Amino acid sequence: MSGTTGGEAKGVRPKGAEMAWRLTLAAVAATVVDWVLGAFVIEPTGLGELTAYSGADDAARRLALSGGVLLVMLAGWLAVAVRMRAGRAWARTVLGVVGAGGLLFLATDLSMSGTQPGIGPALAGLPELLAAAAVVPMFLPGARARFRARPHRG
């Protein structure tokens, strides 16, 4: 259980902060699933296209680099989400900007690419939708009080 922060009961986090945390975890998981499906499952796969373009060895290196960069980015996202869950206002702001930016990216990507039938395009937008949905509960009145009540300690 966590300690008391602001006016919260001991060990109880505001529902908004917990909902934002769960939605963020879902967005991270959806991002990983989307990458794996795009790289290896949904035709044309990233591996198949890279192999045709630059050979099997180079394709494997590029996918490994892509997966590594994705993991670093997701670790950073989770680190900020942990700080938000702990009541850090700066982390809530960062996640708010990321969520809004992802939604903007999704909207502009759809307007440029159009929509295609199938699970691939539908799944591709899920991480952005979940990240944007996570922003809402962070800024609801109950959660806002948590972020204001915490003293700034980094």
N, C-alpha and C. Protein backbone atom coordinates (compact mmCIF):
# COMPACT_ATOMS: atom_id res chain seq x y z
N MET A 1 0.83 -1.19 0.00
CA MET A 1 0.00 0.00 0.00
C MET A 1 0.87 1.24 0.00
N SER A 2 0.38 2.28 -0.61
CA SER A 2 1.14 3.52 -0.66
C SER A 2 0.79 4.38 0.53
N GLY A 3 1.61 5.38 0.75
CA GLY A 3 1.41 6.29 1.87
C GLY A 3 0.34 7.31 1.57
N THR A 4 0.07 8.13 2.56
CA THR A 4 -0.94 9.16 2.44
C THR A 4 -0.40 10.33 1.62
N THR A 5 -1.20 10.83 0.71
CA THR A 5 -0.83 12.01 -0.06
C THR A 5 -1.99 12.96 -0.05
N GLY A 6 -1.75 14.17 0.33
CA GLY A 6 -2.81 15.17 0.34
C GLY A 6 -3.94 14.72 1.23
N GLY A 7 -5.16 14.75 0.73
CA GLY A 7 -6.32 14.40 1.50
C GLY A 7 -6.78 12.97 1.29
N GLU A 8 -5.95 12.12 0.69
CA GLU A 8 -6.35 10.75 0.40
C GLU A 8 -6.29 9.89 1.64
N ALA A 9 -7.13 8.88 1.69
CA ALA A 9 -7.03 7.88 2.73
C ALA A 9 -5.77 7.06 2.47
N LYS A 10 -5.21 6.55 3.54
CA LYS A 10 -3.97 5.78 3.41
C LYS A 10 -4.17 4.60 2.45
N GLY A 11 -3.27 4.50 1.47
CA GLY A 11 -3.29 3.39 0.53
C GLY A 11 -4.32 3.49 -0.58
N VAL A 12 -5.07 4.57 -0.66
CA VAL A 12 -6.12 4.69 -1.67
C VAL A 12 -5.72 5.78 -2.67
N ARG A 13 -5.66 5.41 -3.93
CA ARG A 13 -5.39 6.39 -4.98
C ARG A 13 -6.72 6.80 -5.59
N PRO A 14 -6.81 8.01 -6.10
CA PRO A 14 -8.05 8.42 -6.77
C PRO A 14 -8.35 7.50 -7.94
N LYS A 15 -9.63 7.25 -8.17
CA LYS A 15 -10.05 6.35 -9.25
C LYS A 15 -9.54 6.86 -10.60
N GLY A 16 -9.52 8.18 -10.79
CA GLY A 16 -9.06 8.73 -12.06
C GLY A 16 -7.61 8.40 -12.34
N ALA A 17 -6.76 8.50 -11.32
CA ALA A 17 -5.34 8.18 -11.50
C ALA A 17 -5.16 6.70 -11.79
N GLU A 18 -5.93 5.86 -11.11
CA GLU A 18 -5.82 4.42 -11.36
C GLU A 18 -6.34 4.04 -12.74
N MET A 19 -7.43 4.68 -13.16
CA MET A 19 -7.95 4.41 -14.51
C MET A 19 -6.94 4.86 -15.56
N ALA A 20 -6.33 6.01 -15.36
CA ALA A 20 -5.30 6.49 -16.30
C ALA A 20 -4.13 5.52 -16.35
N TRP A 21 -3.73 4.99 -15.20
CA TRP A 21 -2.64 4.02 -15.13
C TRP A 21 -3.00 2.77 -15.93
N ARG A 22 -4.20 2.25 -15.72
CA ARG A 22 -4.62 1.03 -16.44
C ARG A 22 -4.72 1.26 -17.95
N LEU A 23 -5.25 2.41 -18.32
CA LEU A 23 -5.34 2.72 -19.76
C LEU A 23 -3.96 2.88 -20.37
N THR A 24 -3.03 3.44 -19.62
CA THR A 24 -1.66 3.59 -20.11
C THR A 24 -1.01 2.22 -20.28
N LEU A 25 -1.20 1.33 -19.32
CA LEU A 25 -0.68 -0.04 -19.47
C LEU A 25 -1.28 -0.72 -20.68
N ALA A 26 -2.58 -0.52 -20.90
CA ALA A 26 -3.23 -1.10 -22.07
C ALA A 26 -2.66 -0.51 -23.36
N ALA A 27 -2.39 0.79 -23.36
CA ALA A 27 -1.82 1.43 -24.55
C ALA A 27 -0.42 0.89 -24.85
N VAL A 28 0.37 0.68 -23.82
CA VAL A 28 1.72 0.13 -24.00
C VAL A 28 1.62 -1.30 -24.55
N ALA A 29 0.74 -2.10 -23.97
CA ALA A 29 0.56 -3.47 -24.46
C ALA A 29 0.06 -3.48 -25.90
N ALA A 30 -0.87 -2.60 -26.22
CA ALA A 30 -1.39 -2.53 -27.60
C ALA A 30 -0.30 -2.10 -28.57
N THR A 31 0.61 -1.25 -28.13
CA THR A 31 1.72 -0.82 -28.98
C THR A 31 2.63 -2.01 -29.30
N VAL A 32 2.92 -2.82 -28.30
CA VAL A 32 3.77 -4.00 -28.52
C VAL A 32 3.06 -4.99 -29.46
N VAL A 33 1.79 -5.24 -29.21
CA VAL A 33 1.03 -6.17 -30.07
C VAL A 33 1.00 -5.65 -31.50
N ASP A 34 0.75 -4.36 -31.68
CA ASP A 34 0.71 -3.76 -33.01
C ASP A 34 2.06 -3.94 -33.72
N TRP A 35 3.16 -3.71 -33.01
CA TRP A 35 4.49 -3.85 -33.62
C TRP A 35 4.74 -5.29 -34.04
N VAL A 36 4.44 -6.23 -33.14
CA VAL A 36 4.68 -7.65 -33.46
C VAL A 36 3.83 -8.10 -34.64
N LEU A 37 2.55 -7.74 -34.63
CA LEU A 37 1.69 -8.13 -35.75
C LEU A 37 2.16 -7.51 -37.06
N GLY A 38 2.54 -6.24 -37.03
CA GLY A 38 3.01 -5.57 -38.24
C GLY A 38 4.33 -6.12 -38.74
N ALA A 39 5.18 -6.54 -37.81
CA ALA A 39 6.49 -7.05 -38.21
C ALA A 39 6.45 -8.49 -38.69
N PHE A 40 5.57 -9.30 -38.10
CA PHE A 40 5.65 -10.73 -38.37
C PHE A 40 4.37 -11.42 -38.83
N VAL A 41 3.19 -10.81 -38.63
CA VAL A 41 1.96 -11.56 -38.85
C VAL A 41 1.11 -11.02 -39.99
N ILE A 42 0.74 -9.75 -39.94
CA ILE A 42 -0.20 -9.18 -40.91
C ILE A 42 0.52 -8.89 -42.22
N GLU A 43 0.01 -9.48 -43.27
CA GLU A 43 0.61 -9.33 -44.60
C GLU A 43 0.30 -7.97 -45.19
N PRO A 44 1.21 -7.31 -45.85
CA PRO A 44 2.61 -7.68 -45.97
C PRO A 44 3.35 -7.36 -44.68
N THR A 45 4.10 -8.32 -44.19
CA THR A 45 4.81 -8.12 -42.92
C THR A 45 6.01 -7.21 -43.12
N GLY A 46 6.40 -6.56 -42.05
CA GLY A 46 7.60 -5.73 -42.09
C GLY A 46 8.82 -6.57 -42.42
N LEU A 47 8.88 -7.77 -41.84
CA LEU A 47 10.01 -8.66 -42.11
C LEU A 47 10.05 -9.05 -43.58
N GLY A 48 8.91 -9.37 -44.14
CA GLY A 48 8.86 -9.75 -45.55
C GLY A 48 9.28 -8.62 -46.46
N GLU A 49 8.78 -7.43 -46.19
CA GLU A 49 9.14 -6.28 -47.03
C GLU A 49 10.61 -5.92 -46.89
N LEU A 50 11.13 -5.93 -45.66
CA LEU A 50 12.54 -5.63 -45.46
C LEU A 50 13.44 -6.69 -46.09
N THR A 51 13.04 -7.94 -45.99
CA THR A 51 13.83 -9.01 -46.58
C THR A 51 13.89 -8.86 -48.10
N ALA A 52 12.76 -8.54 -48.72
CA ALA A 52 12.73 -8.34 -50.17
C ALA A 52 13.57 -7.14 -50.58
N TYR A 53 13.60 -6.13 -49.74
CA TYR A 53 14.33 -4.90 -50.07
C TYR A 53 15.82 -5.01 -49.82
N SER A 54 16.22 -5.62 -48.68
CA SER A 54 17.63 -5.57 -48.33
C SER A 54 18.24 -6.88 -47.88
N GLY A 55 17.52 -7.99 -48.01
CA GLY A 55 18.07 -9.28 -47.61
C GLY A 55 17.72 -9.64 -46.18
N ALA A 56 17.83 -10.94 -45.88
CA ALA A 56 17.41 -11.46 -44.58
C ALA A 56 18.24 -10.91 -43.42
N ASP A 57 19.55 -10.85 -43.57
CA ASP A 57 20.40 -10.38 -42.47
C ASP A 57 20.13 -8.92 -42.12
N ASP A 58 20.06 -8.09 -43.15
CA ASP A 58 19.79 -6.67 -42.90
C ASP A 58 18.38 -6.48 -42.35
N ALA A 59 17.43 -7.26 -42.83
CA ALA A 59 16.06 -7.17 -42.33
C ALA A 59 16.01 -7.51 -40.85
N ALA A 60 16.71 -8.56 -40.44
CA ALA A 60 16.74 -8.95 -39.03
C ALA A 60 17.37 -7.85 -38.18
N ARG A 61 18.46 -7.25 -38.67
CA ARG A 61 19.11 -6.15 -37.93
C ARG A 61 18.17 -4.95 -37.80
N ARG A 62 17.49 -4.61 -38.87
CA ARG A 62 16.59 -3.45 -38.82
C ARG A 62 15.40 -3.69 -37.88
N LEU A 63 14.86 -4.88 -37.91
CA LEU A 63 13.76 -5.19 -37.00
C LEU A 63 14.23 -5.21 -35.55
N ALA A 64 15.42 -5.73 -35.31
CA ALA A 64 15.97 -5.73 -33.95
C ALA A 64 16.18 -4.30 -33.46
N LEU A 65 16.70 -3.45 -34.32
CA LEU A 65 16.89 -2.04 -33.96
C LEU A 65 15.54 -1.37 -33.70
N SER A 66 14.58 -1.62 -34.57
CA SER A 66 13.25 -1.05 -34.40
C SER A 66 12.63 -1.50 -33.09
N GLY A 67 12.71 -2.80 -32.80
CA GLY A 67 12.16 -3.33 -31.55
C GLY A 67 12.88 -2.76 -30.34
N GLY A 68 14.19 -2.60 -30.43
CA GLY A 68 14.96 -2.04 -29.32
C GLY A 68 14.59 -0.59 -29.04
N VAL A 69 14.47 0.20 -30.09
CA VAL A 69 14.07 1.60 -29.93
C VAL A 69 12.66 1.67 -29.34
N LEU A 70 11.77 0.82 -29.83
CA LEU A 70 10.41 0.79 -29.29
C LEU A 70 10.42 0.46 -27.80
N LEU A 71 11.21 -0.53 -27.39
CA LEU A 71 11.27 -0.89 -25.98
C LEU A 71 11.80 0.25 -25.11
N VAL A 72 12.79 0.98 -25.60
CA VAL A 72 13.32 2.12 -24.85
C VAL A 72 12.24 3.20 -24.70
N MET A 73 11.54 3.47 -25.78
CA MET A 73 10.48 4.48 -25.73
C MET A 73 9.36 4.05 -24.78
N LEU A 74 8.99 2.78 -24.83
CA LEU A 74 7.93 2.28 -23.95
C LEU A 74 8.37 2.29 -22.49
N ALA A 75 9.64 2.00 -22.24
CA ALA A 75 10.16 2.07 -20.87
C ALA A 75 10.08 3.50 -20.35
N GLY A 76 10.41 4.47 -21.20
CA GLY A 76 10.29 5.87 -20.80
C GLY A 76 8.84 6.26 -20.53
N TRP A 77 7.94 5.79 -21.38
CA TRP A 77 6.52 6.07 -21.21
C TRP A 77 6.03 5.50 -19.88
N LEU A 78 6.43 4.26 -19.60
CA LEU A 78 6.02 3.64 -18.33
C LEU A 78 6.64 4.35 -17.13
N ALA A 79 7.87 4.80 -17.26
CA ALA A 79 8.52 5.52 -16.16
C ALA A 79 7.76 6.81 -15.84
N VAL A 80 7.34 7.51 -16.86
CA VAL A 80 6.55 8.74 -16.65
C VAL A 80 5.19 8.37 -16.05
N ALA A 81 4.59 7.29 -16.52
CA ALA A 81 3.29 6.88 -16.00
C ALA A 81 3.39 6.49 -14.52
N VAL A 82 4.48 5.87 -14.13
CA VAL A 82 4.69 5.54 -12.71
C VAL A 82 4.75 6.82 -11.88
N ARG A 83 5.42 7.83 -12.40
CA ARG A 83 5.50 9.12 -11.68
C ARG A 83 4.13 9.79 -11.62
N MET A 84 3.34 9.66 -12.69
CA MET A 84 1.98 10.21 -12.67
C MET A 84 1.17 9.49 -11.60
N ARG A 85 1.28 8.19 -11.56
CA ARG A 85 0.53 7.40 -10.57
C ARG A 85 0.92 7.78 -9.15
N ALA A 86 2.17 8.21 -8.97
CA ALA A 86 2.64 8.64 -7.66
C ALA A 86 2.20 10.07 -7.34
N GLY A 87 1.56 10.74 -8.30
CA GLY A 87 1.03 12.07 -8.04
C GLY A 87 1.86 13.23 -8.55
N ARG A 88 2.78 12.99 -9.43
CA ARG A 88 3.62 14.07 -9.97
C ARG A 88 2.87 14.80 -11.09
N ALA A 89 2.67 16.08 -10.88
CA ALA A 89 1.92 16.89 -11.85
C ALA A 89 2.65 16.99 -13.19
N TRP A 90 3.98 17.07 -13.17
CA TRP A 90 4.72 17.18 -14.42
C TRP A 90 4.50 15.93 -15.28
N ALA A 91 4.39 14.76 -14.64
CA ALA A 91 4.18 13.52 -15.39
C ALA A 91 2.79 13.49 -15.99
N ARG A 92 1.82 14.01 -15.27
CA ARG A 92 0.45 14.10 -15.81
C ARG A 92 0.45 14.99 -17.05
N THR A 93 1.19 16.09 -16.99
CA THR A 93 1.28 17.00 -18.13
C THR A 93 1.94 16.32 -19.32
N VAL A 94 3.03 15.62 -19.08
CA VAL A 94 3.73 14.92 -20.16
C VAL A 94 2.81 13.88 -20.81
N LEU A 95 2.13 13.09 -19.99
CA LEU A 95 1.22 12.08 -20.54
C LEU A 95 0.05 12.73 -21.27
N GLY A 96 -0.40 13.89 -20.80
CA GLY A 96 -1.46 14.61 -21.49
C GLY A 96 -1.03 15.06 -22.87
N VAL A 97 0.19 15.58 -22.96
CA VAL A 97 0.72 16.02 -24.25
C VAL A 97 0.91 14.83 -25.19
N VAL A 98 1.44 13.73 -24.66
CA VAL A 98 1.65 12.52 -25.48
C VAL A 98 0.31 11.98 -25.98
N GLY A 99 -0.68 11.94 -25.08
CA GLY A 99 -2.00 11.43 -25.48
C GLY A 99 -2.66 12.30 -26.53
N ALA A 100 -2.60 13.61 -26.33
CA ALA A 100 -3.19 14.52 -27.32
C ALA A 100 -2.41 14.48 -28.63
N GLY A 101 -1.09 14.40 -28.55
CA GLY A 101 -0.28 14.32 -29.76
C GLY A 101 -0.54 13.04 -30.53
N GLY A 102 -0.70 11.93 -29.81
CA GLY A 102 -1.00 10.67 -30.47
C GLY A 102 -2.34 10.70 -31.18
N LEU A 103 -3.31 11.33 -30.54
CA LEU A 103 -4.63 11.45 -31.16
C LEU A 103 -4.56 12.33 -32.40
N LEU A 104 -3.81 13.41 -32.32
CA LEU A 104 -3.63 14.29 -33.48
C LEU A 104 -2.92 13.54 -34.61
N PHE A 105 -1.89 12.76 -34.25
CA PHE A 105 -1.18 11.97 -35.24
C PHE A 105 -2.12 10.96 -35.90
N LEU A 106 -2.93 10.30 -35.08
CA LEU A 106 -3.88 9.32 -35.62
C LEU A 106 -4.86 9.99 -36.58
N ALA A 107 -5.38 11.13 -36.19
CA ALA A 107 -6.34 11.84 -37.03
C ALA A 107 -5.72 12.27 -38.36
N THR A 108 -4.50 12.78 -38.31
CA THR A 108 -3.86 13.23 -39.56
C THR A 108 -3.42 12.04 -40.40
N ASP A 109 -3.03 10.95 -39.76
CA ASP A 109 -2.64 9.75 -40.49
C ASP A 109 -3.84 9.16 -41.22
N LEU A 110 -4.98 9.13 -40.55
CA LEU A 110 -6.19 8.62 -41.19
C LEU A 110 -6.62 9.52 -42.35
N SER A 111 -6.46 10.82 -42.19
CA SER A 111 -6.88 11.71 -43.27
C SER A 111 -5.94 11.62 -44.47
N MET A 112 -4.69 11.25 -44.24
CA MET A 112 -3.74 11.11 -45.34
C MET A 112 -3.84 9.75 -46.01
N SER A 113 -4.01 8.71 -45.19
CA SER A 113 -3.98 7.35 -45.71
C SER A 113 -5.36 6.80 -46.03
N GLY A 114 -6.38 7.39 -45.47
CA GLY A 114 -7.71 6.80 -45.61
C GLY A 114 -7.82 5.60 -44.70
N THR A 115 -8.89 4.90 -44.82
CA THR A 115 -9.05 3.70 -44.02
C THR A 115 -9.09 2.50 -44.93
N GLN A 116 -8.55 1.42 -44.43
CA GLN A 116 -8.54 0.16 -45.18
C GLN A 116 -9.26 -0.87 -44.34
N PRO A 117 -9.99 -1.78 -44.96
CA PRO A 117 -10.65 -2.82 -44.17
C PRO A 117 -9.64 -3.78 -43.57
N GLY A 118 -10.03 -4.42 -42.50
CA GLY A 118 -9.18 -5.43 -41.89
C GLY A 118 -8.76 -5.06 -40.48
N ILE A 119 -8.15 -6.03 -39.83
CA ILE A 119 -7.75 -5.87 -38.43
C ILE A 119 -6.51 -5.00 -38.29
N GLY A 120 -5.62 -5.02 -39.25
CA GLY A 120 -4.38 -4.26 -39.16
C GLY A 120 -4.59 -2.77 -38.92
N PRO A 121 -5.30 -2.09 -39.80
CA PRO A 121 -5.52 -0.66 -39.60
C PRO A 121 -6.31 -0.35 -38.33
N ALA A 122 -7.26 -1.20 -38.00
CA ALA A 122 -8.05 -0.98 -36.78
C ALA A 122 -7.17 -1.10 -35.55
N LEU A 123 -6.30 -2.10 -35.52
CA LEU A 123 -5.42 -2.31 -34.39
C LEU A 123 -4.34 -1.24 -34.31
N ALA A 124 -3.91 -0.74 -35.45
CA ALA A 124 -2.84 0.26 -35.47
C ALA A 124 -3.21 1.54 -34.73
N GLY A 125 -4.48 1.91 -34.73
CA GLY A 125 -4.90 3.13 -34.04
C GLY A 125 -5.23 2.93 -32.58
N LEU A 126 -5.31 1.68 -32.13
CA LEU A 126 -5.69 1.41 -30.75
C LEU A 126 -4.75 2.01 -29.70
N PRO A 127 -3.42 1.92 -29.87
CA PRO A 127 -2.55 2.52 -28.85
C PRO A 127 -2.79 4.02 -28.68
N GLU A 128 -2.96 4.74 -29.78
CA GLU A 128 -3.20 6.19 -29.69
C GLU A 128 -4.54 6.48 -29.02
N LEU A 129 -5.56 5.70 -29.34
CA LEU A 129 -6.87 5.90 -28.72
C LEU A 129 -6.81 5.63 -27.22
N LEU A 130 -6.11 4.59 -26.81
CA LEU A 130 -5.97 4.28 -25.39
C LEU A 130 -5.15 5.35 -24.66
N ALA A 131 -4.08 5.83 -25.29
CA ALA A 131 -3.27 6.88 -24.67
C ALA A 131 -4.08 8.16 -24.50
N ALA A 132 -4.88 8.48 -25.50
CA ALA A 132 -5.74 9.67 -25.40
C ALA A 132 -6.81 9.47 -24.34
N ALA A 133 -7.37 8.27 -24.27
CA ALA A 133 -8.38 7.99 -23.25
C ALA A 133 -7.80 8.08 -21.85
N ALA A 134 -6.53 7.75 -21.69
CA ALA A 134 -5.88 7.83 -20.38
C ALA A 134 -5.76 9.26 -19.88
N VAL A 135 -5.76 10.21 -20.78
CA VAL A 135 -5.63 11.62 -20.39
C VAL A 135 -6.87 12.09 -19.63
N VAL A 136 -8.02 11.66 -20.05
CA VAL A 136 -9.28 12.16 -19.48
C VAL A 136 -9.35 11.95 -17.97
N PRO A 137 -9.17 10.71 -17.45
CA PRO A 137 -9.31 10.55 -16.01
C PRO A 137 -8.23 11.27 -15.19
N MET A 138 -7.09 11.55 -15.79
CA MET A 138 -6.04 12.29 -15.07
C MET A 138 -6.46 13.71 -14.75
N PHE A 139 -7.37 14.25 -15.54
CA PHE A 139 -7.76 15.64 -15.36
C PHE A 139 -9.17 15.80 -14.78
N LEU A 140 -9.78 14.71 -14.35
CA LEU A 140 -11.07 14.80 -13.68
C LEU A 140 -10.86 15.40 -12.28
N PRO A 141 -11.89 15.99 -11.70
CA PRO A 141 -11.74 16.69 -10.41
C PRO A 141 -11.06 15.88 -9.31
N GLY A 142 -11.42 14.62 -9.11
CA GLY A 142 -10.81 13.83 -8.05
C GLY A 142 -9.31 13.64 -8.24
N ALA A 143 -8.91 13.39 -9.46
CA ALA A 143 -7.49 13.21 -9.75
C ALA A 143 -6.75 14.54 -9.70
N ARG A 144 -7.38 15.61 -10.16
CA ARG A 144 -6.74 16.93 -10.12
C ARG A 144 -6.35 17.29 -8.71
N ALA A 145 -7.20 16.99 -7.74
CA ALA A 145 -6.91 17.30 -6.34
C ALA A 145 -5.65 16.57 -5.89
N ARG A 146 -5.45 15.36 -6.34
CA ARG A 146 -4.25 14.60 -5.97
C ARG A 146 -2.99 15.29 -6.46
N PHE A 147 -3.02 15.78 -7.67
CA PHE A 147 -1.83 16.40 -8.23
C PHE A 147 -1.54 17.76 -7.59
N ARG A 148 -2.56 18.46 -7.16
CA ARG A 148 -2.35 19.74 -6.47
C ARG A 148 -1.88 19.53 -5.03
N ALA A 149 -2.32 18.45 -4.40
CA ALA A 149 -2.06 18.23 -2.98
C ALA A 149 -0.62 17.78 -2.71
N ARG A 150 0.03 17.21 -3.69
CA ARG A 150 1.37 16.68 -3.46
C ARG A 150 2.40 17.80 -3.49
N PRO A 151 3.29 17.81 -2.52
CA PRO A 151 4.39 18.77 -2.57
C PRO A 151 5.36 18.42 -3.67
N HIS A 152 5.98 19.41 -4.25
CA HIS A 152 6.94 19.18 -5.34
C HIS A 152 8.23 18.65 -4.75
N ARG A 153 8.60 17.41 -5.15
CA ARG A 153 9.86 16.81 -4.71
C ARG A 153 10.63 16.20 -5.87
N GLY A 154 10.30 16.55 -7.09
CA GLY A 154 11.05 16.05 -8.22
C GLY A 154 10.33 15.18 -9.05
